[in-house]
Amino acid sequence: MAWQQTDEDLLSILDQISDIFSRFEQPNCKSIIDSIKIELENGVTVKKIDKNSITSKYKALQTKFVHEFSSTTQRTNVISMLQQSMTETITKNNVEMQHVFNEPNVVEIISRRSYAYRVLSIFRQVIWNGAKTDEERMIGLSYVYLNLVDGIFRNALKICFIWQQLSRKEQVDTKTISDISVYDIYKYFNKNGLPMHYLDGWNGYVRNAVAHTTFQYDSSKNEAVYDDLIANKTVKLWLGQLIEMCDKLWNVYGAVFLFTQFTRINDVCFTLCDRYP
């Protein structure tokens, strides 16, 4: 917990978060985080921190993030949904929120995301740099897509699902959350008439076809044909369409992962502000 950590431990967390925003190409946010760290560091030295100044910078960081991250319509929609569900939860269901996000299964979902991001980023780059033809790129990216759906996208979507349930004051089953599928979450959103922005890049038929290797590349049409034999459905995609679908899954992950950092920044800032009023 934050109150058990030293000043140096807390300030080092801001260095970690600054690096995360840099890797996600959010330079202005990184700059504000670095500025917050410097002011906190100076305040720790003189044993007095200006809480109003830190609060102002924290709010400026939130505003800058929304502006900087929302470079596409899908990103804007995802951020908007996250903000709405979080705001409603904090306002109407704050106690339950604290309980849910401290449950071991939920903590594990959040903590494993950073490692998966690095692995899949390298995997995608290796495929793109090593592929010599569109067919090789299409097949390689199809497996990236599968791993995105079953990996970091699924984990990020679970967090979106939890926020949505909390905002509606519904019971969150933290014991089974680890096993819930993307399709289960899709059914929840569909049943409740909720916007599908989180699921914009997801196609279950494509995922299943890749998982069962029932897809092939048609060089005469420069497209991949994905056959989901269980659902008896076929999807055809060009390379550009598959890239866009992968990007949309990355976007959901990125939005959720970066939003999570704001909770950490808040804990650091106001723990130190309380120590040195």
Protein backbone atom coordinates (compact mmCIF):
# COMPACT_ATOMS: atom_id res chain seq x y z
CA MET A 1 0.00 0.00 0.00
CA ALA A 2 1.13 3.58 -0.70
CA TRP A 3 1.43 4.59 3.01
CA GLN A 4 4.02 1.85 3.56
CA GLN A 5 6.34 3.12 0.83
CA THR A 6 9.22 5.56 1.26
CA ASP A 7 9.31 8.94 -0.48
CA GLU A 8 11.91 7.55 -2.88
CA ASP A 9 9.72 4.52 -3.70
CA LEU A 10 6.77 6.75 -4.50
CA LEU A 11 8.79 9.14 -6.68
CA SER A 12 10.28 6.19 -8.59
CA ILE A 13 6.74 5.13 -9.52
CA LEU A 14 6.36 8.42 -11.41
CA ASP A 15 9.54 7.60 -13.35
CA GLN A 16 8.02 4.26 -14.35
CA ILE A 17 4.77 5.89 -15.43
CA SER A 18 6.60 8.59 -17.36
CA ASP A 19 8.38 5.85 -19.32
CA ILE A 20 5.06 4.13 -20.01
CA PHE A 21 3.53 7.28 -21.49
CA SER A 22 6.66 7.77 -23.59
CA ARG A 23 6.36 4.23 -25.01
CA PHE A 24 2.73 4.94 -25.87
CA GLU A 25 3.81 8.09 -27.75
CA GLN A 26 2.18 10.57 -25.35
CA PRO A 27 5.03 13.15 -25.11
CA ASN A 28 3.00 16.00 -23.63
CA CYS A 29 1.62 13.76 -20.90
CA LYS A 30 5.13 12.54 -20.15
CA SER A 31 6.28 16.15 -19.82
CA ILE A 32 3.54 16.96 -17.27
CA ILE A 33 4.31 13.81 -15.27
CA ASP A 34 8.00 14.77 -15.17
CA SER A 35 6.99 18.26 -14.00
CA ILE A 36 4.82 16.81 -11.23
CA LYS A 37 7.70 14.60 -10.10
CA ILE A 38 10.14 17.52 -9.94
CA GLU A 39 7.72 19.61 -7.88
CA LEU A 40 7.05 16.72 -5.50
CA GLU A 41 10.77 16.03 -5.21
CA ASN A 42 11.47 19.66 -4.31
CA GLY A 43 8.59 19.63 -1.85
CA VAL A 44 9.91 16.51 -0.13
CA THR A 45 13.30 18.20 0.23
CA VAL A 46 11.84 21.27 1.98
CA LYS A 47 9.15 19.21 3.78
CA LYS A 48 6.29 21.19 2.23
CA ILE A 49 4.24 20.44 -0.93
CA ASP A 50 1.75 22.83 -2.53
CA LYS A 51 -1.29 20.54 -2.87
CA ASN A 52 -3.22 23.07 -4.98
CA SER A 53 -0.42 23.25 -7.52
CA ILE A 54 -0.13 19.45 -7.73
CA THR A 55 -3.91 19.15 -8.10
CA SER A 56 -3.87 21.66 -10.93
CA LYS A 57 -1.15 19.76 -12.76
CA TYR A 58 -2.93 16.46 -12.22
CA LYS A 59 -6.12 17.85 -13.77
CA ALA A 60 -4.09 19.30 -16.67
CA LEU A 61 -2.58 15.84 -17.21
CA GLN A 62 -6.01 14.24 -17.44
CA THR A 63 -7.19 16.84 -19.96
CA LYS A 64 -4.02 16.51 -22.03
CA PHE A 65 -4.30 12.72 -22.10
CA VAL A 66 -7.84 12.79 -23.46
CA HIS A 67 -6.77 15.24 -26.16
CA GLU A 68 -3.50 13.47 -27.02
CA PHE A 69 -4.81 9.91 -27.03
CA SER A 70 -8.03 10.64 -28.94
CA SER A 71 -6.44 10.71 -32.40
CA THR A 72 -9.15 8.53 -34.02
CA THR A 73 -12.92 8.26 -33.68
CA GLN A 74 -12.63 4.84 -32.08
CA ARG A 75 -10.09 6.07 -29.52
CA THR A 76 -12.35 9.01 -28.70
CA ASN A 77 -15.33 6.69 -28.21
CA VAL A 78 -13.37 4.27 -26.03
CA ILE A 79 -12.03 7.08 -23.82
CA SER A 80 -15.52 8.58 -23.54
CA MET A 81 -17.02 5.26 -22.40
CA LEU A 82 -14.24 4.70 -19.86
CA GLN A 83 -14.59 8.21 -18.46
CA GLN A 84 -18.35 7.90 -18.15
CA SER A 85 -18.32 4.52 -16.40
CA MET A 86 -15.49 5.57 -14.07
CA THR A 87 -17.15 8.86 -13.14
CA GLU A 88 -20.48 7.16 -12.45
CA THR A 89 -18.78 4.46 -10.38
CA ILE A 90 -16.78 6.90 -8.26
CA THR A 91 -19.94 8.97 -7.68
CA LYS A 92 -22.44 6.16 -7.01
CA ASN A 93 -20.47 3.03 -6.08
CA ASN A 94 -17.10 4.07 -4.68
CA VAL A 95 -16.96 1.65 -1.74
CA GLU A 96 -17.69 -1.37 -3.91
CA MET A 97 -15.14 -0.13 -6.45
CA GLN A 98 -12.38 -0.15 -3.81
CA HIS A 99 -13.37 -3.67 -2.80
CA VAL A 100 -13.48 -5.05 -6.35
CA PHE A 101 -10.17 -3.56 -7.52
CA ASN A 102 -8.38 -4.98 -4.48
CA GLU A 103 -9.59 -8.53 -5.16
CA PRO A 104 -6.63 -10.83 -6.10
CA ASN A 105 -8.13 -11.93 -9.43
CA VAL A 106 -8.65 -8.33 -10.54
CA VAL A 107 -5.19 -7.25 -9.35
CA GLU A 108 -3.67 -10.08 -11.39
CA ILE A 109 -5.53 -9.02 -14.54
CA ILE A 110 -4.20 -5.48 -14.19
CA SER A 111 -0.61 -6.45 -13.33
CA ARG A 112 -0.01 -8.87 -16.21
CA ARG A 113 -0.80 -6.37 -19.01
CA SER A 114 2.55 -4.58 -19.28
CA TYR A 115 4.51 -7.78 -19.94
CA ALA A 116 2.09 -8.99 -22.61
CA TYR A 117 2.26 -5.63 -24.38
CA ARG A 118 6.04 -5.82 -24.78
CA VAL A 119 5.98 -9.42 -26.05
CA LEU A 120 3.27 -8.78 -28.64
CA SER A 121 4.87 -5.52 -29.78
CA ILE A 122 8.11 -7.39 -30.53
CA PHE A 123 6.20 -10.23 -32.20
CA ARG A 124 4.35 -7.83 -34.48
CA GLN A 125 7.55 -5.99 -35.42
CA VAL A 126 9.40 -9.24 -36.19
CA ILE A 127 6.60 -10.36 -38.49
CA TRP A 128 6.36 -7.03 -40.29
CA ASN A 129 10.12 -6.68 -40.80
CA GLY A 130 10.66 -10.33 -41.75
CA ALA A 131 7.73 -10.82 -44.13
CA LYS A 132 8.58 -10.48 -47.81
CA THR A 133 5.08 -10.72 -49.31
CA ASP A 134 1.55 -9.63 -48.42
CA GLU A 135 0.66 -13.29 -47.93
CA GLU A 136 3.36 -13.65 -45.27
CA ARG A 137 2.27 -10.40 -43.62
CA MET A 138 -1.37 -11.48 -43.67
CA ILE A 139 -0.66 -14.87 -42.11
CA GLY A 140 1.69 -13.40 -39.52
CA LEU A 141 -0.69 -10.60 -38.54
CA SER A 142 -3.54 -13.10 -38.32
CA TYR A 143 -1.67 -14.81 -35.49
CA VAL A 144 -0.92 -11.44 -33.90
CA TYR A 145 -4.67 -10.78 -34.05
CA LEU A 146 -5.43 -14.10 -32.36
CA ASN A 147 -2.96 -13.36 -29.57
CA LEU A 148 -4.34 -9.85 -29.14
CA VAL A 149 -7.90 -11.13 -28.81
CA ASP A 150 -6.99 -13.88 -26.36
CA GLY A 151 -4.37 -11.82 -24.52
CA ILE A 152 -4.12 -8.11 -23.77
CA PHE A 153 -7.41 -7.15 -25.47
CA ARG A 154 -9.35 -9.74 -23.47
CA ASN A 155 -7.71 -8.59 -20.23
CA ALA A 156 -8.37 -4.91 -21.00
CA LEU A 157 -11.96 -5.72 -21.93
CA LYS A 158 -12.45 -7.41 -18.56
CA ILE A 159 -11.55 -4.14 -16.84
CA CYS A 160 -13.98 -2.24 -19.11
CA PHE A 161 -16.62 -4.83 -18.20
CA ILE A 162 -15.96 -4.37 -14.48
CA TRP A 163 -16.23 -0.57 -14.73
CA GLN A 164 -19.48 -0.95 -16.68
CA GLN A 165 -20.97 -3.28 -14.09
CA LEU A 166 -19.89 -1.05 -11.21
CA SER A 167 -21.34 2.05 -12.89
CA ARG A 168 -24.69 0.22 -13.16
CA LYS A 169 -24.39 -0.91 -9.49
CA GLU A 170 -24.41 -4.55 -10.54
CA GLN A 171 -22.72 -7.39 -8.67
CA VAL A 172 -19.20 -8.08 -9.98
CA ASP A 173 -18.25 -11.76 -9.73
CA THR A 174 -14.52 -11.44 -9.08
CA LYS A 175 -14.12 -15.19 -8.66
CA THR A 176 -15.05 -15.99 -12.27
CA ILE A 177 -13.75 -12.81 -13.95
CA SER A 178 -10.48 -14.51 -14.93
CA ASP A 179 -12.33 -17.07 -17.06
CA ILE A 180 -14.83 -14.80 -18.79
CA SER A 181 -14.53 -14.73 -22.59
CA VAL A 182 -14.70 -11.86 -25.05
CA TYR A 183 -17.91 -13.38 -26.39
CA ASP A 184 -19.46 -13.42 -22.90
CA ILE A 185 -18.70 -9.71 -22.55
CA TYR A 186 -20.07 -9.05 -26.04
CA LYS A 187 -23.33 -10.76 -25.02
CA TYR A 188 -23.55 -8.58 -21.89
CA PHE A 189 -23.13 -5.35 -23.86
CA ASN A 190 -25.55 -6.51 -26.55
CA LYS A 191 -28.21 -7.63 -24.04
CA ASN A 192 -28.07 -4.31 -22.19
CA GLY A 193 -28.12 -2.17 -25.34
CA LEU A 194 -24.72 -0.63 -24.56
CA PRO A 195 -22.43 0.96 -27.18
CA MET A 196 -20.02 -1.53 -28.79
CA HIS A 197 -17.02 0.82 -29.05
CA TYR A 198 -14.77 -1.47 -26.99
CA LEU A 199 -15.50 -4.33 -29.39
CA ASP A 200 -15.09 -2.36 -32.61
CA GLY A 201 -12.02 -4.33 -33.76
CA TRP A 202 -13.16 -7.75 -32.58
CA ASN A 203 -14.47 -10.43 -34.93
CA GLY A 204 -15.11 -13.82 -33.35
CA TYR A 205 -15.26 -15.61 -36.69
CA VAL A 206 -11.80 -14.39 -37.67
CA ARG A 207 -10.44 -15.30 -34.23
CA ASN A 208 -11.85 -18.83 -34.42
CA ALA A 209 -10.63 -19.42 -37.98
CA VAL A 210 -7.08 -18.46 -37.02
CA ALA A 211 -7.21 -20.52 -33.81
CA HIS A 212 -8.25 -23.61 -35.82
CA THR A 213 -6.07 -22.77 -38.86
CA THR A 214 -9.09 -22.73 -41.15
CA PHE A 215 -8.00 -19.70 -43.16
CA GLN A 216 -5.97 -19.15 -46.30
CA TYR A 217 -4.65 -16.37 -48.50
CA ASP A 218 -6.18 -15.81 -51.95
CA SER A 219 -3.38 -14.21 -53.98
CA SER A 220 -5.68 -13.54 -56.94
CA LYS A 221 -7.75 -11.16 -54.81
CA ASN A 222 -5.06 -10.13 -52.28
CA GLU A 223 -7.28 -11.15 -49.39
CA ALA A 224 -7.42 -13.75 -46.65
CA VAL A 225 -10.46 -15.99 -46.32
CA TYR A 226 -11.35 -16.99 -42.76
CA ASP A 227 -13.74 -19.94 -42.33
CA ASP A 228 -15.28 -20.46 -38.90
CA LEU A 229 -16.44 -24.04 -39.42
CA ILE A 230 -18.32 -24.25 -36.11
CA ALA A 231 -20.43 -21.16 -36.80
CA ASN A 232 -20.46 -21.86 -40.57
CA LYS A 233 -19.39 -18.27 -41.28
CA THR A 234 -16.80 -16.87 -43.70
CA VAL A 235 -15.03 -13.50 -43.46
CA LYS A 236 -12.78 -12.02 -46.17
CA LEU A 237 -10.22 -9.33 -45.32
CA TRP A 238 -7.60 -7.28 -47.12
CA LEU A 239 -4.31 -6.57 -45.38
CA GLY A 240 -5.31 -2.98 -44.59
CA GLN A 241 -8.54 -4.16 -42.94
CA LEU A 242 -6.69 -6.63 -40.73
CA ILE A 243 -4.16 -3.96 -39.72
CA GLU A 244 -7.03 -1.65 -38.73
CA MET A 245 -8.66 -4.40 -36.66
CA CYS A 246 -5.38 -5.07 -34.85
CA ASP A 247 -4.92 -1.35 -34.20
CA LYS A 248 -8.40 -1.08 -32.69
CA LEU A 249 -7.63 -3.87 -30.25
CA TRP A 250 -4.35 -2.16 -29.33
CA ASN A 251 -6.30 1.06 -28.75
CA VAL A 252 -8.62 -0.53 -26.18
CA TYR A 253 -5.66 -2.01 -24.37
CA GLY A 254 -3.75 1.30 -24.49
CA ALA A 255 -6.69 3.32 -23.19
CA VAL A 256 -7.32 0.98 -20.26
CA PHE A 257 -3.64 0.57 -19.41
CA LEU A 258 -2.97 4.32 -19.42
CA PHE A 259 -6.16 5.08 -17.50
CA THR A 260 -4.92 2.67 -14.83
CA GLN A 261 -1.80 4.80 -14.44
CA PHE A 262 -3.89 7.79 -13.33
CA THR A 263 -4.92 5.90 -10.21
CA ARG A 264 -1.24 5.26 -9.45
CA ILE A 265 -0.31 8.91 -10.09
CA ASN A 266 -3.15 10.05 -7.83
CA ASP A 267 -1.97 7.75 -5.02
CA VAL A 268 1.62 9.02 -5.26
CA CYS A 269 0.71 12.70 -5.44
CA PHE A 270 -1.72 12.86 -2.61
CA THR A 271 0.14 10.46 -0.33
CA LEU A 272 3.13 12.81 -0.50
CA CYS A 273 0.89 15.90 -0.22
CA ASP A 274 -0.56 14.47 2.99
CA ARG A 275 2.93 13.75 4.35
CA TYR A 276 4.18 17.27 3.70
CA PRO A 277 1.23 19.70 4.01
